[in-house]
Amino acid sequence: MNRSPAKNVGRLILDYRSRTQTVNRPCDVFINHRGVDTKRSVAGLLYNHLTRLRLHPFLDSKSMKPGDKLFEKIDSAIRNCKVGVAVFSPHYCESYFCLHELALIMETKRKVIPIFCDVKPSELRVMDYGICPAKDLQRFSWALEEAKHTVGLTFDSLTGDWSDLVATASDSVIRNLIEVEEEQRYRDWSDLVATASDSVIRNLIEVEEEQRYRIVLMVHENGWLHHFPDSSSKYFSEFNGISSDDSEKDLAAVKRGLISAYKSNLADKLKDELQKISNDLEAGPEDKQFGRWCTTWWQQFSDSTVAIRLAHLQAQIGLLFFYSGFLGLLPSLPGYFHLPPGGIYAYEERSSCMYGLSSYFMARLL
């Protein structure tokens, strides 16, 4: 007798924990319905069937407990759900909450499966009873029109089979859940690829900046600034901490540094080159004739002609084709135009086997 109350209390605790876990977990499917019409029929049967399939549907009479805030709980469930099921019934449009849920589902761009139970889509209209603001009426009308133009299921409670309706609706829900999962996976991969691409681009920019920095340091250390224009020298100097707005003392120090780098790196080489040019100018006539040029004029002309021929070989082939066509067809035109007037004579002469037609055209050409 003492164990029976303990067992009952344990069962109640386990049942409460299971309900709490189910409620706290985000729902997969939100069932939007009119309670007085479909809570004990379509909506309730669909909720139980989806629960047995280990999905997590949301139905206000099943998923909410006393103390929950109505709008906060329902709005959170709609924003976290993946698929919405809108069960339309004859008294559906009379409920502000049903239209509010439908509008929020459409505004969050969730996939919607409409079920028209004992009502036609053309019979659904938002009625203005003077209670709802104009903004809400506009939202409700837009959401209702979007749902009416969505492919859904129709059911007549007098002649229809409830089990077939529940099975068909469950299959539709599962297919839409799979599509949502695939789209989410594709978006995740796209975001991953975009993030990886951005990282690669940033790394390339960093590598390029580092390489540029090394080049600038090498130029400054070796004293090669005089090889660059004034703007480049100014850039290199500013890059290494020498601003263009420094005092005259700093500019003089830079000038002395450049002169010192010139004397230590290029002065001797430049003197050798100038001395070599001077020696060539002072050489005899024979040296002047063949010393400045590596080849004779004829060899240079021949080499350039060969290069031009190779470079313009395609153009020369086209020009040759034009010449052959022009010289071959132009002289034959007078023969073609003269044939009709002199055709009688040509026919009589040919009939006497004096010459052939080819001989006639050849004579006209020449």
Protein backbone atom coordinates (compact mmCIF):
# COMPACT_ATOMS: atom_id res chain seq x y z
CA MET A 1 0.00 0.00 0.00
CA ASN A 2 2.94 2.36 0.68
CA ARG A 3 4.60 1.78 -2.70
CA SER A 4 1.64 2.81 -4.86
CA PRO A 5 1.77 6.57 -4.06
CA ALA A 6 5.56 6.59 -4.58
CA LYS A 7 5.17 4.99 -7.99
CA ASN A 8 2.53 7.53 -8.95
CA VAL A 9 4.73 10.42 -7.85
CA GLY A 10 7.68 9.01 -9.85
CA ARG A 11 5.55 8.67 -12.94
CA LEU A 12 4.32 12.24 -12.58
CA ILE A 13 7.90 13.51 -12.27
CA LEU A 14 9.06 11.59 -15.35
CA ASP A 15 6.03 12.76 -17.31
CA TYR A 16 6.72 16.37 -16.29
CA ARG A 17 10.38 16.12 -17.32
CA SER A 18 9.49 14.68 -20.72
CA ARG A 19 6.94 17.43 -21.32
CA THR A 20 9.41 20.10 -20.24
CA GLN A 21 12.10 18.81 -22.61
CA THR A 22 9.61 18.66 -25.46
CA VAL A 23 8.39 22.20 -24.82
CA ASN A 24 11.86 23.75 -24.45
CA ARG A 25 13.16 22.19 -27.64
CA PRO A 26 12.59 24.34 -30.79
CA CYS A 27 9.70 23.06 -32.85
CA ASP A 28 10.02 21.73 -36.39
CA VAL A 29 6.41 22.29 -37.47
CA PHE A 30 3.99 25.01 -36.35
CA ILE A 31 0.32 24.06 -36.68
CA ASN A 32 -1.83 27.14 -37.27
CA HIS A 33 -5.53 26.33 -36.75
CA ARG A 34 -8.89 27.52 -35.40
CA GLY A 35 -9.37 25.67 -32.11
CA VAL A 36 -13.17 25.44 -32.12
CA ASP A 37 -13.13 23.86 -35.60
CA THR A 38 -10.10 21.57 -35.88
CA LYS A 39 -8.45 21.15 -32.45
CA ARG A 40 -10.05 17.74 -31.93
CA SER A 41 -9.86 16.64 -35.56
CA VAL A 42 -7.22 17.65 -38.14
CA ALA A 43 -4.89 19.64 -35.89
CA GLY A 44 -4.92 17.15 -33.01
CA LEU A 45 -4.52 14.07 -35.21
CA LEU A 46 -1.67 15.68 -37.18
CA TYR A 47 0.11 16.70 -33.97
CA ASN A 48 -0.07 13.17 -32.53
CA HIS A 49 1.09 11.58 -35.80
CA LEU A 50 4.08 13.93 -36.15
CA THR A 51 5.01 13.34 -32.53
CA ARG A 52 5.06 9.57 -33.11
CA LEU A 53 7.41 10.22 -36.06
CA ARG A 54 9.81 11.81 -33.52
CA LEU A 55 9.27 15.30 -34.89
CA HIS A 56 8.54 18.33 -32.71
CA PRO A 57 5.32 20.02 -33.77
CA PHE A 58 3.82 23.00 -31.98
CA LEU A 59 0.14 23.08 -31.08
CA ASP A 60 -1.00 25.71 -28.61
CA SER A 61 -3.24 23.33 -26.65
CA LYS A 62 -0.46 20.72 -26.41
CA SER A 63 2.80 22.71 -26.32
CA MET A 64 1.87 25.51 -23.91
CA LYS A 65 1.43 25.29 -20.16
CA PRO A 66 -0.27 27.59 -17.66
CA GLY A 67 1.79 30.70 -17.04
CA ASP A 68 3.19 31.06 -20.58
CA LYS A 69 2.71 34.40 -22.28
CA LEU A 70 0.55 33.87 -25.33
CA PHE A 71 2.09 36.14 -27.96
CA GLU A 72 5.65 35.66 -26.73
CA LYS A 73 5.41 31.85 -26.81
CA ILE A 74 3.64 31.65 -30.17
CA ASP A 75 5.83 34.24 -31.90
CA SER A 76 8.99 32.52 -30.68
CA ALA A 77 7.74 29.15 -31.93
CA ILE A 78 6.94 30.58 -35.37
CA ARG A 79 10.34 32.25 -35.72
CA ASN A 80 12.15 29.05 -34.74
CA CYS A 81 10.08 26.61 -36.77
CA LYS A 82 11.03 25.30 -40.22
CA VAL A 83 7.61 24.50 -41.75
CA GLY A 84 4.17 25.88 -41.05
CA VAL A 85 0.85 24.05 -41.49
CA ALA A 86 -2.18 26.34 -41.85
CA VAL A 87 -5.48 24.49 -41.28
CA PHE A 88 -8.25 26.66 -42.73
CA SER A 89 -11.81 26.11 -41.53
CA PRO A 90 -15.15 27.94 -41.88
CA HIS A 91 -14.55 30.10 -38.75
CA TYR A 92 -10.81 30.61 -39.34
CA CYS A 93 -10.95 34.26 -40.44
CA GLU A 94 -12.99 35.22 -37.35
CA SER A 95 -9.97 34.71 -35.09
CA TYR A 96 -7.43 37.49 -34.64
CA PHE A 97 -4.83 35.03 -33.33
CA CYS A 98 -5.12 32.74 -36.37
CA LEU A 99 -4.59 35.62 -38.77
CA HIS A 100 -1.74 36.99 -36.66
CA GLU A 101 0.02 33.60 -36.70
CA LEU A 102 -0.49 33.26 -40.46
CA ALA A 103 0.85 36.76 -41.13
CA LEU A 104 3.94 36.10 -39.00
CA ILE A 105 4.58 32.79 -40.81
CA MET A 106 4.41 34.54 -44.17
CA GLU A 107 6.55 37.48 -43.03
CA THR A 108 9.30 35.16 -41.78
CA LYS A 109 9.20 33.37 -45.17
CA ARG A 110 8.59 29.91 -43.77
CA LYS A 111 7.35 27.12 -46.02
CA VAL A 112 3.59 26.81 -45.63
CA ILE A 113 1.34 23.79 -46.26
CA PRO A 114 -2.31 24.96 -46.39
CA ILE A 115 -5.09 22.48 -45.55
CA PHE A 116 -8.58 23.62 -46.55
CA CYS A 117 -10.94 21.69 -44.29
CA ASP A 118 -14.65 22.08 -45.13
CA VAL A 119 -13.94 25.43 -46.80
CA LYS A 120 -12.93 26.64 -50.24
CA PRO A 121 -10.07 29.14 -50.77
CA SER A 122 -12.46 31.61 -52.39
CA GLU A 123 -14.60 31.65 -49.23
CA LEU A 124 -11.77 32.93 -47.03
CA ARG A 125 -11.91 36.68 -46.46
CA VAL A 126 -10.65 39.03 -43.77
CA MET A 127 -13.62 40.77 -42.18
CA ASP A 128 -13.37 44.25 -40.69
CA TYR A 129 -15.34 44.40 -37.44
CA GLY A 130 -13.88 47.73 -36.40
CA ILE A 131 -11.58 46.14 -33.81
CA CYS A 132 -8.32 45.55 -35.70
CA PRO A 133 -6.11 48.45 -36.81
CA ALA A 134 -5.89 49.14 -40.53
CA LYS A 135 -2.23 48.06 -40.59
CA ASP A 136 -3.10 44.63 -39.16
CA LEU A 137 -5.96 44.20 -41.61
CA GLN A 138 -3.57 44.87 -44.48
CA ARG A 139 -1.08 42.31 -43.10
CA PHE A 140 -3.80 39.70 -42.63
CA SER A 141 -5.24 40.20 -46.12
CA TRP A 142 -1.81 39.90 -47.73
CA ALA A 143 -0.95 36.74 -45.77
CA LEU A 144 -4.30 35.15 -46.56
CA GLU A 145 -3.90 35.83 -50.28
CA GLU A 146 -0.40 34.32 -50.21
CA ALA A 147 -1.76 31.18 -48.55
CA LYS A 148 -4.68 30.91 -50.96
CA HIS A 149 -2.24 30.94 -53.89
CA THR A 150 -0.11 28.16 -52.37
CA VAL A 151 -0.66 24.54 -53.37
CA GLY A 152 -2.22 22.66 -50.46
CA LEU A 153 -4.66 19.93 -49.43
CA THR A 154 -8.46 19.96 -49.48
CA PHE A 155 -10.63 17.84 -47.22
CA ASP A 156 -14.33 17.30 -46.72
CA SER A 157 -15.13 15.94 -43.25
CA LEU A 158 -18.36 14.33 -44.46
CA THR A 159 -16.89 12.20 -47.26
CA GLY A 160 -13.12 12.23 -46.64
CA ASP A 161 -10.86 9.72 -44.88
CA TRP A 162 -9.13 11.19 -41.82
CA SER A 163 -6.25 8.71 -41.89
CA ASP A 164 -5.46 9.50 -45.53
CA LEU A 165 -5.49 13.22 -44.78
CA VAL A 166 -3.12 12.84 -41.82
CA ALA A 167 -0.77 10.55 -43.76
CA THR A 168 -0.69 12.87 -46.81
CA ALA A 169 -0.13 15.96 -44.65
CA SER A 170 2.67 14.21 -42.73
CA ASP A 171 4.40 13.20 -45.98
CA SER A 172 4.19 16.79 -47.21
CA VAL A 173 5.64 18.06 -43.94
CA ILE A 174 8.56 15.60 -44.11
CA ARG A 175 9.36 16.50 -47.73
CA ASN A 176 9.36 20.20 -46.93
CA LEU A 177 11.55 19.63 -43.87
CA ILE A 178 14.07 17.80 -46.05
CA GLU A 179 14.06 20.68 -48.55
CA VAL A 180 14.60 23.21 -45.77
CA GLU A 181 17.50 21.18 -44.40
CA GLU A 182 19.11 20.98 -47.85
CA GLU A 183 18.72 24.72 -48.38
CA GLN A 184 20.20 25.44 -44.96
CA ARG A 185 23.13 23.12 -45.66
CA TYR A 186 23.72 24.83 -49.02
CA ARG A 187 23.68 28.27 -47.35
CA ASP A 188 26.13 27.06 -44.71
CA TRP A 189 28.50 25.79 -47.39
CA SER A 190 28.16 29.05 -49.33
CA ASP A 191 28.97 31.07 -46.21
CA LEU A 192 31.94 28.81 -45.51
CA VAL A 193 33.27 29.25 -49.04
CA ALA A 194 32.78 33.02 -48.87
CA THR A 195 34.58 33.20 -45.53
CA ALA A 196 37.45 31.07 -46.84
CA SER A 197 37.73 33.24 -49.96
CA ASP A 198 37.88 36.39 -47.85
CA SER A 199 40.61 34.85 -45.71
CA VAL A 200 42.64 33.87 -48.77
CA ILE A 201 42.32 37.37 -50.24
CA ARG A 202 43.38 38.97 -46.96
CA ASN A 203 46.39 36.66 -46.72
CA LEU A 204 47.39 37.47 -50.31
CA ILE A 205 47.17 41.19 -49.55
CA GLU A 206 49.29 40.74 -46.43
CA VAL A 207 51.91 38.74 -48.38
CA GLU A 208 51.99 41.41 -51.10
CA GLU A 209 52.39 44.19 -48.54
CA GLU A 210 55.18 42.29 -46.82
CA GLN A 211 56.98 41.73 -50.13
CA ARG A 212 56.65 45.42 -50.98
CA TYR A 213 58.03 46.36 -47.58
CA ARG A 214 61.07 44.12 -48.13
CA ILE A 215 61.71 45.70 -51.55
CA VAL A 216 61.55 49.19 -50.07
CA LEU A 217 63.97 48.24 -47.32
CA MET A 218 66.37 46.71 -49.85
CA VAL A 219 66.22 49.85 -52.02
CA HIS A 220 66.85 52.10 -49.05
CA GLU A 221 69.72 49.99 -47.66
CA ASN A 222 71.55 49.70 -51.02
CA GLY A 223 71.11 53.35 -51.96
CA TRP A 224 69.20 52.79 -55.20
CA LEU A 225 66.80 55.71 -54.80
CA HIS A 226 68.44 57.67 -57.65
CA HIS A 227 67.23 55.01 -60.12
CA PHE A 228 63.62 56.05 -59.50
CA PRO A 229 61.71 59.26 -60.34
CA ASP A 230 61.31 61.99 -57.79
CA SER A 231 57.87 60.75 -56.74
CA SER A 232 59.15 57.21 -56.14
CA SER A 233 62.11 58.51 -54.14
CA LYS A 234 59.71 60.59 -52.09
CA TYR A 235 57.54 57.50 -51.49
CA PHE A 236 60.51 55.39 -50.42
CA SER A 237 61.75 58.12 -48.11
CA GLU A 238 58.35 58.62 -46.50
CA PHE A 239 57.94 54.86 -46.16
CA ASN A 240 61.16 54.69 -44.16
CA GLY A 241 60.17 57.49 -41.80
CA ILE A 242 61.49 60.53 -43.70
CA SER A 243 58.53 62.83 -44.21
CA SER A 244 58.34 65.38 -47.01
CA ASP A 245 57.58 68.07 -44.41
CA ASP A 246 60.85 67.59 -42.48
CA SER A 247 63.19 70.43 -41.86
CA GLU A 248 66.05 71.55 -44.11
CA LYS A 249 68.47 69.69 -41.91
CA ASP A 250 66.74 66.37 -42.53
CA LEU A 251 66.60 67.05 -46.28
CA ALA A 252 70.31 67.84 -46.33
CA ALA A 253 71.00 64.60 -44.49
CA VAL A 254 68.99 62.69 -47.07
CA LYS A 255 70.89 64.41 -49.88
CA ARG A 256 74.24 63.51 -48.32
CA GLY A 257 73.08 59.93 -47.91
CA LEU A 258 72.09 59.71 -51.58
CA ILE A 259 75.40 61.19 -52.73
CA SER A 260 77.32 58.76 -50.53
CA ALA A 261 75.33 55.82 -51.90
CA TYR A 262 75.99 56.99 -55.46
CA LYS A 263 79.73 57.25 -54.92
CA SER A 264 79.97 53.87 -53.26
CA ASN A 265 77.76 51.92 -55.70
CA LEU A 266 77.63 53.46 -59.20
CA ALA A 267 80.35 56.07 -59.59
CA ASP A 268 83.10 53.63 -60.63
CA LYS A 269 80.84 51.70 -63.03
CA LEU A 270 79.64 54.90 -64.68
CA LYS A 271 83.22 56.14 -65.16
CA ASP A 272 84.21 52.84 -66.81
CA GLU A 273 81.28 53.04 -69.24
CA LEU A 274 82.09 56.65 -70.16
CA GLN A 275 85.73 55.76 -70.69
CA LYS A 276 84.78 52.87 -72.98
CA ILE A 277 82.55 55.12 -75.09
CA SER A 278 85.34 57.69 -75.35
CA ASN A 279 87.77 55.02 -76.55
CA ASP A 280 85.33 53.90 -79.24
CA LEU A 281 84.94 57.44 -80.51
CA GLU A 282 88.72 57.90 -80.74
CA ALA A 283 89.19 54.66 -82.74
CA GLY A 284 90.13 54.59 -86.51
CA PRO A 285 87.76 54.57 -89.52
CA GLU A 286 87.76 50.78 -89.79
CA ASP A 287 86.88 50.42 -86.16
CA LYS A 288 84.16 53.05 -86.55
CA GLN A 289 82.68 51.22 -89.49
CA PHE A 290 82.32 47.87 -87.81
CA GLY A 291 82.73 48.63 -84.13
CA ARG A 292 79.37 50.23 -83.36
CA TRP A 293 77.24 47.74 -85.26
CA CYS A 294 77.38 43.98 -84.84
CA THR A 295 76.29 43.28 -88.45
CA THR A 296 76.34 44.94 -91.87
CA TRP A 297 73.43 46.90 -93.27
CA TRP A 298 72.42 44.08 -95.62
CA GLN A 299 72.35 41.52 -92.75
CA GLN A 300 70.18 43.79 -90.65
CA PHE A 301 67.81 44.37 -93.57
CA SER A 302 67.60 40.66 -94.32
CA ASP A 303 66.93 39.80 -90.69
CA SER A 304 64.24 42.44 -90.40
CA THR A 305 62.67 41.28 -93.68
CA VAL A 306 62.53 37.70 -92.44
CA ALA A 307 60.95 38.85 -89.18
CA ILE A 308 58.37 40.92 -91.01
CA ARG A 309 57.55 38.01 -93.33
CA LEU A 310 57.12 35.66 -90.40
CA ALA A 311 55.02 38.19 -88.51
CA HIS A 312 52.76 38.97 -91.48
CA LEU A 313 52.62 35.53 -93.07
CA GLN A 314 48.90 35.29 -92.58
CA ALA A 315 48.34 38.71 -94.16
CA GLN A 316 50.53 37.77 -97.12
CA ILE A 317 48.55 34.58 -97.68
CA GLY A 318 45.34 36.61 -97.68
CA LEU A 319 46.82 39.11 -100.11
CA LEU A 320 47.95 36.29 -102.42
CA PHE A 321 44.45 34.83 -102.37
CA PHE A 322 43.00 38.24 -103.25
CA TYR A 323 45.45 38.69 -106.14
CA SER A 324 44.73 35.26 -107.55
CA GLY A 325 40.97 35.76 -107.35
CA PHE A 326 41.11 39.28 -108.74
CA LEU A 327 43.43 38.46 -111.64
CA GLY A 328 41.52 35.26 -112.41
CA LEU A 329 37.95 36.53 -112.28
CA LEU A 330 38.23 40.11 -113.50
CA PRO A 331 39.43 39.27 -117.06
CA SER A 332 36.74 36.60 -117.38
CA LEU A 333 33.91 39.07 -116.77
CA PRO A 334 34.08 40.61 -120.29
CA GLY A 335 33.82 37.10 -121.72
CA TYR A 336 30.67 36.42 -119.70
CA PHE A 337 29.08 39.73 -120.72
CA HIS A 338 30.03 39.33 -124.41
CA LEU A 339 28.67 35.80 -124.71
CA PRO A 340 24.92 36.67 -125.05
CA PRO A 341 25.33 39.17 -127.98
CA GLY A 342 27.83 36.97 -129.83
CA GLY A 343 26.19 33.74 -128.85
CA ILE A 344 24.73 33.14 -132.31
CA TYR A 345 28.09 33.44 -134.02
CA ALA A 346 29.80 31.38 -131.37
CA TYR A 347 27.17 28.65 -131.74
CA GLU A 348 27.58 28.53 -135.54
CA GLU A 349 31.36 28.47 -135.28
CA ARG A 350 31.29 25.74 -132.65
CA SER A 351 28.80 23.69 -134.66
CA SER A 352 31.35 23.60 -137.47
CA CYS A 353 33.91 22.28 -134.92
CA MET A 354 36.14 25.29 -135.32
CA TYR A 355 36.97 25.59 -131.54
CA GLY A 356 35.64 24.69 -128.13
CA LEU A 357 33.98 26.87 -125.52
CA SER A 358 37.12 27.00 -123.41
CA SER A 359 39.05 28.29 -126.40
CA TYR A 360 36.44 30.99 -126.84
CA PHE A 361 36.81 32.24 -123.26
CA MET A 362 40.59 32.02 -123.46
CA ALA A 363 40.53 34.18 -126.57
CA ARG A 364 38.32 36.68 -124.82
CA LEU A 365 40.71 36.82 -121.88
CA LEU A 366 43.74 37.44 -124.01
